[in-house]
N, C-alpha and C. Protein backbone atom coordinates (compact mmCIF):
# COMPACT_ATOMS: atom_id res chain seq x y z
N MET A 1 -78.39 -80.16 11.35
CA MET A 1 -77.57 -81.02 12.20
C MET A 1 -76.22 -81.25 11.54
N SER A 2 -75.16 -81.23 12.32
CA SER A 2 -73.82 -81.38 11.76
C SER A 2 -73.46 -82.86 11.63
N ASP A 3 -72.45 -83.13 10.82
CA ASP A 3 -72.01 -84.49 10.57
C ASP A 3 -70.94 -84.94 11.55
N PHE A 4 -70.60 -84.11 12.50
CA PHE A 4 -69.55 -84.45 13.45
C PHE A 4 -69.88 -83.85 14.81
N VAL A 5 -69.15 -84.29 15.82
CA VAL A 5 -69.36 -83.82 17.18
C VAL A 5 -68.45 -82.63 17.43
N THR A 6 -68.97 -81.62 18.13
CA THR A 6 -68.18 -80.42 18.37
C THR A 6 -67.77 -80.30 19.83
N LEU A 7 -66.67 -79.59 20.05
CA LEU A 7 -66.27 -79.20 21.40
C LEU A 7 -67.06 -77.94 21.74
N ASN A 8 -67.68 -77.91 22.89
CA ASN A 8 -68.53 -76.79 23.24
C ASN A 8 -68.06 -76.00 24.46
N GLU A 9 -67.46 -76.67 25.41
CA GLU A 9 -67.13 -76.02 26.67
C GLU A 9 -65.68 -75.55 26.69
N ASN A 10 -65.48 -74.46 27.42
CA ASN A 10 -64.16 -73.86 27.53
C ASN A 10 -63.14 -74.87 28.08
N ARG A 11 -63.54 -75.68 29.04
CA ARG A 11 -62.60 -76.64 29.63
C ARG A 11 -62.15 -77.68 28.61
N GLU A 12 -63.01 -78.03 27.67
CA GLU A 12 -62.62 -78.97 26.62
C GLU A 12 -61.57 -78.35 25.70
N PHE A 13 -61.76 -77.09 25.34
CA PHE A 13 -60.77 -76.38 24.53
C PHE A 13 -59.44 -76.27 25.28
N ARG A 14 -59.50 -75.89 26.55
CA ARG A 14 -58.27 -75.73 27.36
C ARG A 14 -57.52 -77.04 27.48
N ARG A 15 -58.23 -78.15 27.64
CA ARG A 15 -57.58 -79.45 27.75
C ARG A 15 -56.77 -79.76 26.49
N VAL A 16 -57.34 -79.47 25.34
CA VAL A 16 -56.64 -79.72 24.07
C VAL A 16 -55.44 -78.77 23.94
N TYR A 17 -55.64 -77.49 24.28
CA TYR A 17 -54.54 -76.52 24.21
C TYR A 17 -53.37 -76.94 25.11
N ASN A 18 -53.66 -77.32 26.34
CA ASN A 18 -52.62 -77.56 27.33
C ASN A 18 -51.97 -78.94 27.24
N ARG A 19 -52.72 -79.95 26.89
CA ARG A 19 -52.19 -81.31 26.92
C ARG A 19 -51.95 -81.90 25.54
N GLY A 20 -52.37 -81.21 24.49
CA GLY A 20 -52.24 -81.75 23.15
C GLY A 20 -51.00 -81.28 22.42
N GLU A 21 -50.91 -81.70 21.18
CA GLU A 21 -49.83 -81.29 20.30
C GLU A 21 -50.37 -80.23 19.35
N SER A 22 -49.45 -79.50 18.70
CA SER A 22 -49.90 -78.45 17.78
C SER A 22 -49.04 -78.43 16.52
N TYR A 23 -49.68 -78.00 15.45
CA TYR A 23 -49.01 -77.78 14.18
C TYR A 23 -49.46 -76.42 13.66
N VAL A 24 -48.51 -75.69 13.06
CA VAL A 24 -48.77 -74.32 12.63
C VAL A 24 -48.58 -74.23 11.12
N SER A 25 -49.49 -73.51 10.47
CA SER A 25 -49.35 -73.18 9.05
C SER A 25 -49.74 -71.72 8.89
N PRO A 26 -49.51 -71.13 7.73
CA PRO A 26 -49.88 -69.72 7.54
C PRO A 26 -51.38 -69.45 7.69
N ALA A 27 -52.23 -70.44 7.41
CA ALA A 27 -53.67 -70.23 7.47
C ALA A 27 -54.31 -70.75 8.75
N LEU A 28 -53.67 -71.73 9.41
CA LEU A 28 -54.29 -72.39 10.55
C LEU A 28 -53.28 -72.74 11.62
N VAL A 29 -53.77 -72.91 12.83
CA VAL A 29 -53.04 -73.58 13.90
C VAL A 29 -53.93 -74.73 14.34
N VAL A 30 -53.39 -75.94 14.35
CA VAL A 30 -54.17 -77.12 14.71
C VAL A 30 -53.62 -77.69 16.01
N TYR A 31 -54.47 -77.80 17.00
CA TYR A 31 -54.16 -78.45 18.26
C TYR A 31 -54.95 -79.75 18.30
N PHE A 32 -54.32 -80.85 18.74
CA PHE A 32 -55.07 -82.09 18.84
C PHE A 32 -54.57 -82.93 20.00
N LYS A 33 -55.47 -83.73 20.52
CA LYS A 33 -55.18 -84.63 21.62
C LYS A 33 -55.92 -85.93 21.36
N GLU A 34 -55.21 -87.05 21.39
CA GLU A 34 -55.86 -88.34 21.20
C GLU A 34 -56.75 -88.65 22.40
N THR A 35 -57.87 -89.31 22.12
CA THR A 35 -58.81 -89.69 23.17
C THR A 35 -59.19 -91.16 22.99
N HIS A 36 -59.96 -91.66 23.93
CA HIS A 36 -60.46 -93.03 23.84
C HIS A 36 -61.97 -93.03 23.62
N ALA A 37 -62.50 -91.95 23.10
CA ALA A 37 -63.94 -91.81 22.95
C ALA A 37 -64.50 -92.64 21.80
N GLY A 38 -63.70 -92.95 20.80
CA GLY A 38 -64.18 -93.70 19.65
C GLY A 38 -64.68 -92.84 18.51
N PHE A 39 -64.61 -91.52 18.66
CA PHE A 39 -65.03 -90.61 17.60
C PHE A 39 -64.22 -89.32 17.72
N CYS A 40 -64.25 -88.52 16.65
CA CYS A 40 -63.51 -87.27 16.62
C CYS A 40 -64.42 -86.11 17.00
N ARG A 41 -63.85 -85.13 17.72
CA ARG A 41 -64.59 -83.91 18.05
C ARG A 41 -63.79 -82.72 17.56
N LEU A 42 -64.49 -81.67 17.15
CA LEU A 42 -63.85 -80.50 16.55
C LEU A 42 -64.31 -79.24 17.25
N GLY A 43 -63.36 -78.33 17.47
CA GLY A 43 -63.65 -76.97 17.92
C GLY A 43 -62.95 -76.01 16.99
N ILE A 44 -63.64 -74.95 16.58
CA ILE A 44 -63.07 -73.96 15.66
C ILE A 44 -63.13 -72.60 16.33
N THR A 45 -62.02 -71.88 16.30
CA THR A 45 -62.00 -70.52 16.80
C THR A 45 -61.43 -69.59 15.74
N ALA A 46 -61.88 -68.36 15.79
CA ALA A 46 -61.39 -67.33 14.87
C ALA A 46 -61.40 -66.02 15.65
N GLY A 47 -60.23 -65.48 15.93
CA GLY A 47 -60.12 -64.27 16.72
C GLY A 47 -60.43 -63.02 15.94
N LYS A 48 -60.51 -61.93 16.67
CA LYS A 48 -60.85 -60.65 16.04
C LYS A 48 -59.76 -60.11 15.12
N LYS A 49 -58.56 -60.66 15.21
CA LYS A 49 -57.48 -60.22 14.32
C LYS A 49 -57.81 -60.54 12.86
N ILE A 50 -58.67 -61.51 12.63
CA ILE A 50 -59.04 -61.88 11.27
C ILE A 50 -59.80 -60.75 10.60
N GLY A 51 -60.64 -60.06 11.36
CA GLY A 51 -61.40 -58.95 10.78
C GLY A 51 -62.82 -58.94 11.30
N THR A 52 -63.73 -58.54 10.44
CA THR A 52 -65.12 -58.40 10.82
C THR A 52 -65.76 -59.78 11.05
N ALA A 53 -66.98 -59.77 11.57
CA ALA A 53 -67.70 -61.01 11.81
C ALA A 53 -67.91 -61.80 10.53
N VAL A 54 -68.09 -61.10 9.43
CA VAL A 54 -68.29 -61.77 8.14
C VAL A 54 -67.05 -62.59 7.78
N LEU A 55 -65.86 -62.02 7.94
CA LEU A 55 -64.63 -62.74 7.62
C LEU A 55 -64.37 -63.88 8.60
N ARG A 56 -64.67 -63.65 9.89
CA ARG A 56 -64.48 -64.72 10.89
C ARG A 56 -65.40 -65.89 10.59
N ASN A 57 -66.65 -65.62 10.26
CA ASN A 57 -67.59 -66.69 9.95
C ASN A 57 -67.22 -67.41 8.67
N ARG A 58 -66.71 -66.67 7.67
CA ARG A 58 -66.27 -67.32 6.44
C ARG A 58 -65.10 -68.25 6.71
N ALA A 59 -64.15 -67.80 7.52
CA ALA A 59 -63.00 -68.64 7.86
C ALA A 59 -63.46 -69.91 8.55
N LYS A 60 -64.41 -69.80 9.46
CA LYS A 60 -64.92 -70.98 10.17
C LYS A 60 -65.67 -71.92 9.22
N ARG A 61 -66.41 -71.37 8.27
CA ARG A 61 -67.11 -72.20 7.30
C ARG A 61 -66.13 -72.98 6.42
N VAL A 62 -65.07 -72.31 5.98
CA VAL A 62 -64.05 -72.95 5.15
C VAL A 62 -63.39 -74.09 5.91
N VAL A 63 -63.03 -73.84 7.16
CA VAL A 63 -62.39 -74.87 7.98
C VAL A 63 -63.35 -76.03 8.21
N ARG A 64 -64.60 -75.74 8.50
CA ARG A 64 -65.60 -76.78 8.75
C ARG A 64 -65.79 -77.68 7.54
N GLU A 65 -65.85 -77.11 6.35
CA GLU A 65 -66.03 -77.91 5.14
C GLU A 65 -64.80 -78.76 4.84
N ALA A 66 -63.62 -78.21 5.08
CA ALA A 66 -62.39 -78.99 4.88
C ALA A 66 -62.34 -80.16 5.86
N TYR A 67 -62.75 -79.92 7.09
CA TYR A 67 -62.77 -80.98 8.10
C TYR A 67 -63.75 -82.08 7.70
N LYS A 68 -64.93 -81.70 7.22
CA LYS A 68 -65.92 -82.70 6.79
C LYS A 68 -65.38 -83.56 5.67
N ALA A 69 -64.63 -82.95 4.76
CA ALA A 69 -64.07 -83.70 3.64
C ALA A 69 -62.98 -84.67 4.10
N LEU A 70 -62.24 -84.30 5.13
CA LEU A 70 -61.13 -85.14 5.60
C LEU A 70 -61.52 -86.11 6.71
N LEU A 71 -62.68 -85.96 7.30
CA LEU A 71 -63.09 -86.79 8.43
C LEU A 71 -63.01 -88.29 8.16
N PRO A 72 -63.42 -88.80 6.99
CA PRO A 72 -63.31 -90.25 6.76
C PRO A 72 -61.88 -90.78 6.79
N ASN A 73 -60.88 -89.90 6.63
CA ASN A 73 -59.49 -90.33 6.63
C ASN A 73 -58.90 -90.49 8.02
N PHE A 74 -59.59 -89.99 9.05
CA PHE A 74 -59.09 -90.09 10.41
C PHE A 74 -59.32 -91.51 10.92
N ASN A 75 -58.25 -92.15 11.39
CA ASN A 75 -58.39 -93.51 11.89
C ASN A 75 -58.28 -93.59 13.41
N LYS A 76 -58.05 -92.47 14.07
CA LYS A 76 -57.98 -92.44 15.53
C LYS A 76 -59.01 -91.45 16.04
N SER A 77 -59.40 -91.64 17.28
CA SER A 77 -60.31 -90.66 17.88
C SER A 77 -59.48 -89.55 18.51
N VAL A 78 -59.77 -88.33 18.11
CA VAL A 78 -59.03 -87.18 18.61
C VAL A 78 -60.00 -86.03 18.91
N ASP A 79 -59.57 -85.20 19.84
CA ASP A 79 -60.19 -83.90 20.04
C ASP A 79 -59.30 -82.91 19.30
N MET A 80 -59.89 -82.07 18.47
CA MET A 80 -59.11 -81.17 17.64
C MET A 80 -59.66 -79.75 17.76
N VAL A 81 -58.76 -78.79 17.96
CA VAL A 81 -59.13 -77.39 17.94
C VAL A 81 -58.36 -76.75 16.80
N ILE A 82 -59.08 -76.09 15.91
CA ILE A 82 -58.46 -75.41 14.79
C ILE A 82 -58.66 -73.91 14.98
N VAL A 83 -57.55 -73.19 15.01
CA VAL A 83 -57.58 -71.74 15.14
C VAL A 83 -57.34 -71.15 13.77
N ALA A 84 -58.33 -70.47 13.25
CA ALA A 84 -58.22 -69.88 11.92
C ALA A 84 -57.40 -68.59 11.99
N ARG A 85 -56.52 -68.42 11.03
CA ARG A 85 -55.77 -67.19 10.89
C ARG A 85 -56.34 -66.39 9.72
N LYS A 86 -55.81 -65.22 9.50
CA LYS A 86 -56.39 -64.31 8.49
C LYS A 86 -56.46 -64.93 7.11
N LYS A 87 -55.46 -65.71 6.71
CA LYS A 87 -55.44 -66.31 5.38
C LYS A 87 -56.51 -67.38 5.21
N ALA A 88 -57.04 -67.94 6.29
CA ALA A 88 -58.05 -69.00 6.17
C ALA A 88 -59.32 -68.51 5.52
N ALA A 89 -59.65 -67.24 5.68
CA ALA A 89 -60.88 -66.70 5.10
C ALA A 89 -60.78 -66.59 3.57
N PHE A 90 -59.57 -66.61 3.03
CA PHE A 90 -59.39 -66.41 1.61
C PHE A 90 -58.95 -67.66 0.87
N VAL A 91 -58.94 -68.81 1.53
CA VAL A 91 -58.57 -70.07 0.90
C VAL A 91 -59.75 -70.54 0.06
N LYS A 92 -59.45 -70.99 -1.14
CA LYS A 92 -60.53 -71.48 -2.03
C LYS A 92 -60.56 -72.97 -2.05
């Protein structure tokens, strides 16, 4: 069982993409939208440009662990979609 709530449906991802804000870095693109739910939800995507399934899954694991470490610092409820880029799989 995970320690946080995840975004599961395509419409939830689209809502964050279309109505939220975004920040870009070499390893990640972060989209987020404030909500009134009282808790944070996370969606992680990793496209085929990253490489094989092994690299995509590693990138998602790295992002998930970083999110878990930072979750106590969030003081607002947000829906967040993190798009992993190729460099995310190699972050230590």
